[in-house]
Amino acid sequence: MLRYLLTGLAGATLALGLAVSAAAQVAIGFGGVAYDARQPVEVTADSLTIDQSTGEAVFSGNVIVHQGDLRMAAGQVRVLYSETDGRRAVDEVVASGGVLVTRGADAAEGRDARFDVASALLTMAGGVLVTQGPTAVAGDRMVVNMRTGSGSVEGRVRTVLDTGDNE
């Protein structure tokens, strides 16, 4: 039973990492290389708590998620899941306590992030900053639809654009 939950957690963590990566792609390109969801996911944390009755698993303390060249760090990652016909499915992944996602030199950071699996919506909030080289986009909140690739940044949006003409 724990094996199924951990498999689901790995998938959920992967989904969050994918979601954050795609959000950055919408904003500024975030690496420009296709994300490979087939790569193994490694999660490390100070502790893991699983509550079967509520359908919640919580990774706490110095949470680090690696998949290929994608890395996510957060103070805490909660995975909410449900069971239908004996199959567990991840419903939502919530990262908090300062979330940082990096891929090479590119980065996205904010106070917290939430990925809703059913709607494929990723929301990052709290001083969101996405950077790629000299280009940056910042705002209070970023929402990205993972199915369509469309997204928005709200709350006094600020950006610095590299014009390519730096002579």
Protein backbone atom coordinates (compact mmCIF):
# COMPACT_ATOMS: atom_id res chain seq x y z
CA MET A 1 0.00 0.00 0.00
CA LEU A 2 2.83 2.37 0.87
CA ARG A 3 4.48 1.52 -2.46
CA TYR A 4 1.42 2.80 -4.36
CA LEU A 5 1.33 5.96 -2.29
CA LEU A 6 5.01 6.66 -2.84
CA THR A 7 4.59 6.05 -6.57
CA GLY A 8 1.74 8.54 -6.54
CA LEU A 9 3.82 11.00 -4.54
CA ALA A 10 6.64 10.75 -7.02
CA GLY A 11 4.19 11.40 -9.85
CA ALA A 12 2.67 14.33 -8.00
CA THR A 13 6.04 15.82 -7.26
CA LEU A 14 6.93 15.34 -10.91
CA ALA A 15 3.70 17.05 -11.93
CA LEU A 16 4.54 20.02 -9.73
CA GLY A 17 8.04 20.24 -11.14
CA LEU A 18 6.67 19.97 -14.68
CA ALA A 19 4.07 22.59 -13.93
CA VAL A 20 6.56 25.06 -12.55
CA SER A 21 8.89 24.43 -15.47
CA ALA A 22 6.12 25.04 -17.98
CA ALA A 23 5.04 28.19 -16.16
CA ALA A 24 8.48 29.61 -16.63
CA GLN A 25 8.42 28.60 -20.30
CA VAL A 26 5.27 30.66 -20.81
CA ALA A 27 6.87 33.67 -19.16
CA ILE A 28 10.39 33.62 -20.58
CA GLY A 29 11.41 30.27 -22.01
CA PHE A 30 12.84 28.46 -18.92
CA GLY A 31 15.44 26.41 -20.69
CA GLY A 32 13.70 25.93 -24.02
CA VAL A 33 14.32 22.17 -23.93
CA ALA A 34 11.50 19.60 -23.83
CA TYR A 35 10.88 18.26 -20.34
CA ASP A 36 11.27 14.48 -20.01
CA ALA A 37 8.63 13.22 -17.56
CA ARG A 38 9.95 9.65 -17.87
CA GLN A 39 13.07 10.35 -15.85
CA PRO A 40 13.13 9.09 -12.26
CA VAL A 41 12.12 11.49 -9.48
CA GLU A 42 14.16 11.67 -6.28
CA VAL A 43 12.65 13.35 -3.21
CA THR A 44 14.58 14.07 -0.02
CA ALA A 45 13.20 15.71 3.11
CA ASP A 46 13.76 15.75 6.84
CA SER A 47 10.49 13.86 7.34
CA LEU A 48 7.49 12.28 5.61
CA THR A 49 4.08 11.94 7.23
CA ILE A 50 1.26 9.97 5.60
CA ASP A 51 -2.36 10.13 6.74
CA GLN A 52 -4.38 7.48 4.89
CA SER A 53 -7.66 8.67 6.47
CA THR A 54 -7.38 12.19 5.06
CA GLY A 55 -5.56 11.31 1.85
CA GLU A 56 -2.61 13.53 2.62
CA ALA A 57 1.14 13.04 2.58
CA VAL A 58 3.51 15.74 3.80
CA PHE A 59 7.23 16.04 3.08
CA SER A 60 8.68 18.50 5.61
CA GLY A 61 11.98 20.26 6.16
CA ASN A 62 14.48 21.03 3.44
CA VAL A 63 12.44 19.28 0.75
CA ILE A 64 14.40 18.78 -2.46
CA VAL A 65 12.97 17.19 -5.59
CA HIS A 66 15.27 16.23 -8.48
CA GLN A 67 14.31 14.99 -11.91
CA GLY A 68 16.95 15.17 -14.60
CA ASP A 69 18.22 18.75 -14.67
CA LEU A 70 15.08 20.07 -12.94
CA ARG A 71 15.32 20.81 -9.21
CA MET A 72 12.67 22.05 -6.78
CA ALA A 73 13.34 23.12 -3.19
CA ALA A 74 10.67 24.02 -0.62
CA GLY A 75 10.16 24.03 3.11
CA GLN A 76 7.20 21.68 2.79
CA VAL A 77 5.41 19.74 0.04
CA ARG A 78 1.89 18.41 0.70
CA VAL A 79 0.33 15.86 -1.64
CA LEU A 80 -3.45 15.42 -1.50
CA TYR A 81 -4.80 12.23 -3.03
CA SER A 82 -8.03 10.28 -3.32
CA GLU A 83 -8.94 6.67 -3.94
CA THR A 84 -11.49 5.52 -6.52
CA ASP A 85 -12.14 1.86 -7.31
CA GLY A 86 -9.01 0.85 -5.40
CA ARG A 87 -6.74 3.22 -7.36
CA ARG A 88 -5.00 6.17 -5.80
CA ALA A 89 -4.83 9.40 -7.72
CA VAL A 90 -3.09 12.62 -6.84
CA ASP A 91 -5.52 15.55 -6.74
CA GLU A 92 -3.30 18.42 -5.72
CA VAL A 93 0.30 19.25 -4.84
CA VAL A 94 1.04 22.21 -2.57
CA ALA A 95 4.58 23.48 -1.95
CA SER A 96 5.21 26.14 0.69
CA GLY A 97 7.87 27.74 2.83
CA GLY A 98 9.67 29.35 -0.09
CA VAL A 99 9.62 27.47 -3.40
CA LEU A 100 12.55 27.55 -5.82
CA VAL A 101 12.62 25.69 -9.12
CA THR A 102 15.80 25.67 -11.20
CA ARG A 103 16.80 24.21 -14.52
CA GLY A 104 20.32 25.07 -15.52
CA ALA A 105 20.73 28.84 -15.13
CA ASP A 106 16.95 29.44 -15.23
CA ALA A 107 14.87 29.82 -12.06
CA ALA A 108 11.34 30.42 -10.77
CA GLU A 109 10.69 31.31 -7.15
CA GLY A 110 7.82 32.33 -4.91
CA ARG A 111 6.44 31.92 -1.41
CA ASP A 112 4.26 28.96 -2.41
CA ALA A 113 2.97 26.95 -5.36
CA ARG A 114 -0.17 24.90 -5.96
CA PHE A 115 -0.79 22.46 -8.82
CA ASP A 116 -4.35 21.22 -9.36
CA VAL A 117 -4.08 17.98 -11.34
CA ALA A 118 -7.67 17.89 -12.71
CA SER A 119 -7.65 21.43 -14.09
CA ALA A 120 -3.91 21.40 -14.88
CA LEU A 121 -3.59 24.84 -13.28
CA LEU A 122 -0.36 25.87 -11.60
CA THR A 123 -0.52 28.87 -9.29
CA MET A 124 2.56 30.45 -7.74
CA ALA A 125 2.12 33.28 -5.24
CA GLY A 126 4.08 35.55 -2.97
CA GLY A 127 6.80 37.55 -4.66
CA VAL A 128 6.98 35.42 -7.80
CA LEU A 129 10.18 35.90 -9.79
CA VAL A 130 11.13 34.04 -12.96
CA THR A 131 14.59 34.59 -14.45
CA GLN A 132 16.45 33.44 -17.53
CA GLY A 133 19.83 35.03 -17.99
CA PRO A 134 19.35 38.81 -18.04
CA THR A 135 15.57 38.52 -18.55
CA ALA A 136 13.21 38.54 -15.55
CA VAL A 137 9.46 38.69 -14.87
CA ALA A 138 8.10 39.39 -11.38
CA GLY A 139 4.67 39.79 -9.83
CA ASP A 140 2.54 38.84 -6.87
CA ARG A 141 0.82 35.85 -8.51
CA MET A 142 1.32 33.68 -11.59
CA VAL A 143 -1.26 31.25 -13.00
CA VAL A 144 -0.50 28.88 -15.88
CA ASN A 145 -2.86 26.47 -17.67
CA MET A 146 -0.68 23.46 -18.40
CA ARG A 147 -2.97 22.14 -21.15
CA THR A 148 -3.01 25.31 -23.23
CA GLY A 149 0.30 26.83 -22.19
CA SER A 150 -1.39 30.18 -21.53
CA GLY A 151 -0.65 32.04 -18.37
CA SER A 152 -0.78 35.34 -16.57
CA VAL A 153 1.20 37.27 -14.02
CA GLU A 154 -0.72 39.65 -11.75
CA GLY A 155 -0.02 42.16 -9.02
CA ARG A 156 2.22 44.99 -10.11
CA VAL A 157 4.07 43.06 -12.81
CA ARG A 158 7.68 44.05 -13.38
CA THR A 159 10.03 42.88 -16.10
CA VAL A 160 13.48 43.45 -17.50
CA LEU A 161 13.88 42.40 -21.12
CA ASP A 162 17.17 41.72 -22.85
CA THR A 163 16.96 43.50 -26.21
CA GLY A 164 19.90 41.59 -27.62
CA ASP A 165 21.56 44.89 -28.57
CA ASN A 166 24.06 45.31 -25.77
CA GLU A 167 26.85 47.02 -27.71
